[in-house]
C-alpha atoms as a PDB file:
ATOM      1  CA  MET A   1     182.524 -17.749-124.893  1.00  0.00           C
ATOM      2  CA  THR A   2     179.697 -18.414-122.483  1.00  0.00           C
ATOM      3  CA  PRO A   3     178.946 -15.881-119.707  1.00  0.00           C
ATOM      4  CA  GLY A   4     180.073 -18.384-117.055  1.00  0.00           C
ATOM      5  CA  VAL A   5     183.445 -18.982-118.740  1.00  0.00           C
ATOM      6  CA  ARG A   6     183.889 -15.234-119.355  1.00  0.00           C
ATOM      7  CA  LEU A   7     183.205 -14.505-115.671  1.00  0.00           C
ATOM      8  CA  PHE A   8     185.651 -17.189-114.563  1.00  0.00           C
ATOM      9  CA  SER A   9     188.338 -15.866-116.915  1.00  0.00           C
ATOM     10  CA  ALA A  10     187.856 -12.312-115.655  1.00  0.00           C
ATOM     11  CA  ALA A  11     188.072 -13.486-112.060  1.00  0.00           C
ATOM     12  CA  PHE A  12     191.273 -15.401-112.844  1.00  0.00           C
ATOM     13  CA  VAL A  13     192.875 -12.352-114.480  1.00  0.00           C
ATOM     14  CA  PHE A  14     191.876 -10.159-111.517  1.00  0.00           C
ATOM     15  CA  LEU A  15     193.305 -12.691-109.082  1.00  0.00           C
ATOM     16  CA  GLY A  16     196.529 -12.852-111.031  1.00  0.00           C
ATOM     17  CA  ALA A  17     196.825  -9.050-111.003  1.00  0.00           C
ATOM     18  CA  THR A  18     196.230  -8.985-107.258  1.00  0.00           C
ATOM     19  CA  VAL A  19     198.910 -11.591-106.583  1.00  0.00           C
ATOM     20  CA  ALA A  20     201.396  -9.752-108.796  1.00  0.00           C
ATOM     21  CA  ALA A  21     200.747  -6.434-107.079  1.00  0.00           C
ATOM     22  CA  ASN A  22     201.277  -7.950-103.614  1.00  0.00           C
ATOM     23  CA  ALA A  23     204.473  -9.959-103.938  1.00  0.00           C
ATOM     24  CA  SER A  24     204.375 -11.197-100.353  1.00  0.00           C
ATOM     25  CA  THR A  25     202.442 -10.396 -97.216  1.00  0.00           C
ATOM     26  CA  PHE A  26     202.574 -11.888 -93.756  1.00  0.00           C
ATOM     27  CA  THR A  27     199.616 -10.904 -91.568  1.00  0.00           C
ATOM     28  CA  VAL A  28     199.218 -11.243 -87.824  1.00  0.00           C
ATOM     29  CA  THR A  29     195.609 -10.906 -86.660  1.00  0.00           C
ATOM     30  CA  ILE A  30     195.143 -10.214 -82.955  1.00  0.00           C
ATOM     31  CA  GLU A  31     191.644 -10.592 -81.539  1.00  0.00           C
ATOM     32  CA  GLN A  32     189.694 -11.179 -78.365  1.00  0.00           C
ATOM     33  CA  VAL A  33     188.381 -14.737 -78.245  1.00  0.00           C
ATOM     34  CA  GLY A  34     186.306 -15.277 -75.125  1.00  0.00           C
ATOM     35  CA  SER A  35     188.477 -14.508 -72.117  1.00  0.00           C
ATOM     36  CA  ASP A  36     191.746 -14.805 -74.066  1.00  0.00           C
ATOM     37  CA  VAL A  37     193.599 -12.811 -76.707  1.00  0.00           C
ATOM     38  CA  VAL A  38     194.683 -14.879 -79.709  1.00  0.00           C
ATOM     39  CA  ALA A  39     197.237 -13.868 -82.351  1.00  0.00           C
ATOM     40  CA  THR A  40     197.238 -15.804 -85.625  1.00  0.00           C
ATOM     41  CA  GLY A  41     199.849 -15.338 -88.329  1.00  0.00           C
ATOM     42  CA  SER A  42     199.878 -16.533 -91.934  1.00  0.00           C
ATOM     43  CA  GLY A  43     201.314 -15.649 -95.327  1.00  0.00           C
ATOM     44  CA  THR A  44     204.673 -15.491 -97.064  1.00  0.00           C
ATOM     45  CA  ILE A  45     207.769 -13.314 -96.844  1.00  0.00           C
ATOM     46  CA  ASP A  46     209.862 -12.157 -99.815  1.00  0.00           C
ATOM     47  CA  LEU A  47     213.503 -11.919 -98.707  1.00  0.00           C
ATOM     48  CA  ALA A  48     214.700 -10.140-101.864  1.00  0.00           C
ATOM     49  CA  GLY A  49     214.021  -6.647-100.488  1.00  0.00           C
ATOM     50  CA  LEU A  50     215.639  -7.386 -97.109  1.00  0.00           C
ATOM     51  CA  VAL A  51     219.249  -7.201 -95.939  1.00  0.00           C
ATOM     52  CA  ALA A  52     220.654 -10.265 -94.173  1.00  0.00           C
ATOM     53  CA  PHE A  53     222.181  -9.525 -90.763  1.00  0.00           C
ATOM     54  CA  PRO A  54     225.374 -11.649 -90.757  1.00  0.00           C
ATOM     55  CA  TYR A  55     225.799 -11.893 -86.976  1.00  0.00           C
ATOM     56  CA  CYS A  56     222.468 -13.630 -86.429  1.00  0.00           C
ATOM     57  CA  ARG A  57     222.435 -16.493 -88.911  1.00  0.00           C
ATOM     58  CA  PRO A  58     221.201 -18.461 -87.191  1.00  0.00           C
ATOM     59  CA  CYS A  59     220.301 -17.210 -83.753  1.00  0.00           C
ATOM     60  CA  ALA A  60     217.181 -17.886 -81.699  1.00  0.00           C
ATOM     61  CA  VAL A  61     214.290 -16.290 -79.875  1.00  0.00           C
ATOM     62  CA  SER A  62     213.035 -17.915 -76.704  1.00  0.00           C
ATOM     63  CA  THR A  63     209.939 -15.936 -75.728  1.00  0.00           C
ATOM     64  CA  PRO A  64     206.792 -15.286 -77.815  1.00  0.00           C
ATOM     65  CA  GLY A  65     204.880 -12.102 -77.054  1.00  0.00           C
ATOM     66  CA  VAL A  66     204.272  -8.441 -77.872  1.00  0.00           C
ATOM     67  CA  ALA A  67     205.685  -5.025 -76.969  1.00  0.00           C
ATOM     68  CA  PRO A  68     203.258  -2.583 -78.647  1.00  0.00           C
ATOM     69  CA  LEU A  69     205.262   0.639 -78.220  1.00  0.00           C
ATOM     70  CA  TYR A  70     208.245  -0.940 -79.958  1.00  0.00           C
ATOM     71  CA  SER A  71     206.247  -2.640 -82.723  1.00  0.00           C
ATOM     72  CA  LEU A  72     207.393  -6.011 -81.463  1.00  0.00           C
ATOM     73  CA  VAL A  73     205.493  -9.180 -82.270  1.00  0.00           C
ATOM     74  CA  THR A  74     207.200 -12.521 -81.774  1.00  0.00           C
ATOM     75  CA  MET A  75     205.235 -15.548 -82.937  1.00  0.00           C
ATOM     76  CA  ASN A  76     206.548 -18.760 -81.351  1.00  0.00           C
ATOM     77  CA  THR A  77     210.194 -19.579 -80.568  1.00  0.00           C
ATOM     78  CA  GLY A  78     213.147 -21.308 -82.150  1.00  0.00           C
ATOM     79  CA  PRO A  79     216.232 -20.776 -84.327  1.00  0.00           C
ATOM     80  CA  GLY A  80     216.037 -18.300 -87.158  1.00  0.00           C
ATOM     81  CA  ASP A  81     217.725 -15.737 -89.384  1.00  0.00           C
ATOM     82  CA  LEU A  82     217.588 -11.979 -88.899  1.00  0.00           C
ATOM     83  CA  TYR A  83     217.009  -9.486 -91.719  1.00  0.00           C
ATOM     84  CA  THR A  84     216.870  -5.689 -91.641  1.00  0.00           C
ATOM     85  CA  PHE A  85     214.882  -3.125 -93.598  1.00  0.00           C
ATOM     86  CA  ALA A  86     213.898   0.531 -93.298  1.00  0.00           C
ATOM     87  CA  SER A  87     210.173   0.893 -92.743  1.00  0.00           C
ATOM     88  CA  GLY A  88     210.163   2.888 -89.508  1.00  0.00           C
ATOM     89  CA  ASN A  89     208.590   2.188 -86.152  1.00  0.00           C
ATOM     90  CA  ASN A  90     204.789   2.167 -86.182  1.00  0.00           C
ATOM     91  CA  PRO A  91     203.651   1.562 -82.565  1.00  0.00           C
ATOM     92  CA  PHE A  92     200.404  -0.380 -82.248  1.00  0.00           C
ATOM     93  CA  GLY A  93     199.820   0.417 -78.570  1.00  0.00           C
ATOM     94  CA  THR A  94     201.154   2.054 -75.434  1.00  0.00           C
ATOM     95  CA  SER A  95     202.654  -0.781 -73.402  1.00  0.00           C
ATOM     96  CA  THR A  96     206.443  -0.385 -73.158  1.00  0.00           C
ATOM     97  CA  GLY A  97     207.365  -3.771 -71.699  1.00  0.00           C
ATOM     98  CA  GLU A  98     207.248  -7.104 -73.500  1.00  0.00           C
ATOM     99  CA  ILE A  99     204.209  -9.172 -72.554  1.00  0.00           C
ATOM    100  CA  ASP A 100     204.830 -12.905 -72.856  1.00  0.00           C
ATOM    101  CA  ALA A 101     202.287 -15.207 -74.484  1.00  0.00           C
ATOM    102  CA  SER A 102     200.928 -18.142 -72.492  1.00  0.00           C
ATOM    103  CA  THR A 103     201.263 -20.628 -75.373  1.00  0.00           C
ATOM    104  CA  SER A 104     202.492 -20.596 -78.970  1.00  0.00           C
ATOM    105  CA  SER A 105     202.952 -22.911 -81.938  1.00  0.00           C
ATOM    106  CA  GLY A 106     203.971 -22.919 -85.593  1.00  0.00           C
ATOM    107  CA  ASP A 107     206.728 -21.018 -87.370  1.00  0.00           C
ATOM    108  CA  VAL A 108     208.955 -18.542 -85.567  1.00  0.00           C
ATOM    109  CA  VAL A 109     208.393 -15.070 -87.072  1.00  0.00           C
ATOM    110  CA  SER A 110     209.153 -11.758 -85.382  1.00  0.00           C
ATOM    111  CA  ILE A 111     209.203  -8.066 -86.244  1.00  0.00           C
ATOM    112  CA  TYR A 112     210.779  -5.257 -84.216  1.00  0.00           C
ATOM    113  CA  GLU A 113     210.588  -1.455 -84.630  1.00  0.00           C
ATOM    114  CA  GLY A 114     209.968  -1.633 -88.345  1.00  0.00           C
ATOM    115  CA  ASN A 115     213.586  -2.454 -89.136  1.00  0.00           C
ATOM    116  CA  GLU A 116     214.197  -6.049 -88.018  1.00  0.00           C
ATOM    117  CA  LEU A 117     212.501  -9.184 -89.293  1.00  0.00           C
ATOM    118  CA  PHE A 118     213.195 -12.650 -87.907  1.00  0.00           C
ATOM    119  CA  VAL A 119     212.269 -15.752 -89.925  1.00  0.00           C
ATOM    120  CA  PRO A 120     212.844 -19.505 -89.446  1.00  0.00           C
ATOM    121  CA  ALA A 121     216.452 -20.634 -89.953  1.00  0.00           C
ATOM    122  CA  GLY A 122     217.080 -21.418 -93.611  1.00  0.00           C
ATOM    123  CA  TYR A 123     213.724 -19.994 -94.653  1.00  0.00           C
ATOM    124  CA  VAL A 124     213.128 -20.156 -98.404  1.00  0.00           C
ATOM    125  CA  SER A 125     211.761 -16.869 -99.752  1.00  0.00           C
ATOM    126  CA  GLY A 126     208.055 -17.078-100.574  1.00  0.00           C
ATOM    127  CA  SER A 127     207.369 -20.256 -98.593  1.00  0.00           C
ATOM    128  CA  ALA A 128     204.123 -20.430 -96.618  1.00  0.00           C
ATOM    129  CA  LEU A 129     204.303 -19.556 -92.923  1.00  0.00           C
ATOM    130  CA  SER A 130     201.726 -19.999 -90.181  1.00  0.00           C
ATOM    131  CA  ASP A 131     201.744 -19.643 -86.410  1.00  0.00           C
ATOM    132  CA  THR A 132     199.640 -18.727 -83.409  1.00  0.00           C
ATOM    133  CA  MET A 133     199.990 -17.584 -79.817  1.00  0.00           C
ATOM    134  CA  THR A 134     197.520 -17.111 -76.974  1.00  0.00           C
ATOM    135  CA  PHE A 135     197.456 -14.767 -73.993  1.00  0.00           C
ATOM    136  CA  ASP A 136     195.324 -16.453 -71.348  1.00  0.00           C
ATOM    137  CA  ASP A 137     192.852 -14.384 -69.291  1.00  0.00           C
ATOM    138  CA  ALA A 138     193.777 -11.159 -71.107  1.00  0.00           C
ATOM    139  CA  THR A 139     192.084  -8.413 -73.084  1.00  0.00           C
ATOM    140  CA  ILE A 140     193.163  -6.187 -75.946  1.00  0.00           C
ATOM    141  CA  ALA A 141     193.238  -3.291 -73.451  1.00  0.00           C
ATOM    142  CA  SER A 142     195.203  -5.148 -70.773  1.00  0.00           C
ATOM    143  CA  LEU A 143     197.916  -5.909 -73.338  1.00  0.00           C
ATOM    144  CA  GLY A 144     198.128  -2.199 -74.174  1.00  0.00           C
ATOM    145  CA  LEU A 145     197.059  -2.796 -77.780  1.00  0.00           C
ATOM    146  CA  THR A 146     195.343  -0.145 -79.901  1.00  0.00           C
ATOM    147  CA  PRO A 147     192.835  -1.591 -82.425  1.00  0.00           C
ATOM    148  CA  GLY A 148     193.674  -0.874 -86.054  1.00  0.00           C
ATOM    149  CA  THR A 149     195.819  -2.044 -88.955  1.00  0.00           C
ATOM    150  CA  TYR A 150     199.576  -1.427 -88.945  1.00  0.00           C
ATOM    151  CA  THR A 151     201.707  -2.102 -92.019  1.00  0.00           C
ATOM    152  CA  PHE A 152     205.477  -2.384 -92.457  1.00  0.00           C
ATOM    153  CA  THR A 153     206.858  -2.564 -95.991  1.00  0.00           C
ATOM    154  CA  TRP A 154     210.118  -3.256 -97.798  1.00  0.00           C
ATOM    155  CA  GLY A 155     211.382  -3.706-101.349  1.00  0.00           C
ATOM    156  CA  SER A 156     209.583  -2.599-104.500  1.00  0.00           C
ATOM    157  CA  GLY A 157     207.988  -4.044-107.614  1.00  0.00           C
ATOM    158  CA  ALA A 158     208.165  -7.824-107.764  1.00  0.00           C
ATOM    159  CA  ASP A 159     210.330  -7.800-104.622  1.00  0.00           C
ATOM    160  CA  ALA A 160     207.850  -5.810-102.523  1.00  0.00           C
ATOM    161  CA  GLY A 161     206.905  -7.289 -99.193  1.00  0.00           C
ATOM    162  CA  SER A 162     204.823  -6.326 -96.198  1.00  0.00           C
ATOM    163  CA  PHE A 163     204.172  -7.340 -92.615  1.00  0.00           C
ATOM    164  CA  VAL A 164     200.678  -6.442 -91.390  1.00  0.00           C
ATOM    165  CA  ILE A 165     199.426  -6.374 -87.812  1.00  0.00           C
ATOM    166  CA  ASP A 166     195.632  -6.305 -87.649  1.00  0.00           C
ATOM    167  CA  ILE A 167     194.185  -5.743 -84.181  1.00  0.00           C
ATOM    168  CA  ALA A 168     190.447  -6.450 -84.151  1.00  0.00           C
ATOM    169  CA  THR A 169     188.132  -3.766 -82.800  1.00  0.00           C
ATOM    170  CA  THR A 170     185.423  -6.062 -81.425  1.00  0.00           C
ATOM    171  CA  PRO A 171     185.565  -9.282 -79.396  1.00  0.00           C
ATOM    172  CA  LEU A 172     185.220 -12.543 -81.299  1.00  0.00           C
ATOM    173  CA  PRO A 173     183.009 -15.139 -79.562  1.00  0.00           C
ATOM    174  CA  ALA A 174     184.682 -18.533 -79.437  1.00  0.00           C
ATOM    175  CA  ALA A 175     181.865 -20.127 -81.494  1.00  0.00           C
ATOM    176  CA  LEU A 176     181.732 -17.435 -84.214  1.00  0.00           C
ATOM    177  CA  PRO A 177     183.985 -19.164 -86.808  1.00  0.00           C
ATOM    178  CA  LEU A 178     181.801 -22.302 -86.673  1.00  0.00           C
ATOM    179  CA  PHE A 179     178.646 -20.194 -86.925  1.00  0.00           C
ATOM    180  CA  ALA A 180     180.042 -18.324 -89.945  1.00  0.00           C
ATOM    181  CA  SER A 181     180.878 -21.621 -91.665  1.00  0.00           C
ATOM    182  CA  ALA A 182     177.342 -22.891 -91.089  1.00  0.00           C
ATOM    183  CA  LEU A 183     175.835 -19.708 -92.545  1.00  0.00           C
ATOM    184  CA  GLY A 184     178.085 -19.997 -95.586  1.00  0.00           C
ATOM    185  CA  ALA A 185     176.986 -23.582 -96.191  1.00  0.00           C
ATOM    186  CA  LEU A 186     173.305 -22.650 -95.874  1.00  0.00           C
ATOM    187  CA  GLY A 187     173.757 -19.793 -98.322  1.00  0.00           C
ATOM    188  CA  PHE A 188     175.525 -22.043-100.816  1.00  0.00           C
ATOM    189  CA  PHE A 189     172.850 -24.729-100.774  1.00  0.00           C
ATOM    190  CA  GLY A 190     170.106 -22.099-100.878  1.00  0.00           C
ATOM    191  CA  LEU A 191     171.701 -20.565-103.974  1.00  0.00           C
ATOM    192  CA  ARG A 192     171.961 -23.969-105.663  1.00  0.00           C
ATOM    193  CA  LYS A 193     168.314 -24.714-104.923  1.00  0.00           C
ATOM    194  CA  LYS A 194     167.186 -21.335-106.260  1.00  0.00           C
ATOM    195  CA  ARG A 195     169.303 -21.759-109.390  1.00  0.00           C
ATOM    196  CA  GLY A 196     167.908 -25.275-109.937  1.00  0.00           C
ATOM    197  CA  LEU A 197     164.352 -23.984-109.784  1.00  0.00           C
ATOM    198  CA  ALA A 198     165.200 -21.238-112.266  1.00  0.00           C
ATOM    199  CA  LEU A 199     166.718 -23.717-114.696  1.00  0.00           C
ATOM    200  CA  ALA A 200     163.683 -26.014-114.343  1.00  0.00           C
ATOM    201  CA  ALA A 201     161.354 -23.125-115.137  1.00  0.00           C
ATOM    202  CA  ALA A 202     163.364 -22.284-118.238  1.00  0.00           C
END
């Protein structure tokens, strides 16, 4: 086996082990982007470790937003199904009232006090979810958010799941993602050029 194939195989095995160890994770990243605060959610949710709440199937949420003291994050609006679990409240700030987002889009996903999880109506366990919401002319501080990573978990083994709220500690300039992509491209082409010269010398 060549070194390149061996490295690829090892990386594949490591990736497989990582996926197996983290059955499902849905992450909401909240960060300062220019003069706004943007929350972006993505991932999957494993329903196997959750308990369906029969009186809210389906029901609906009408207001996206956050209530940090009550561990409430509601991404977008629409009909959905409610599930319960026992993770415990893990406040990610001091604001007691719910602060409504200015705009939102994508899948409706919500968590509340570490024991309620709301997903799109008829959601199929393990399906990809993505959503976003924006708080115009706001800051992390004005929303009462405390920077850090907050994790809520349920289930175990293959049925383990988690909901992660990651509040960025530093502002993100609006042009930073594009700048990072450009740097990555330059690094890639630089590496190819360097490798080509090495092969030519050999």
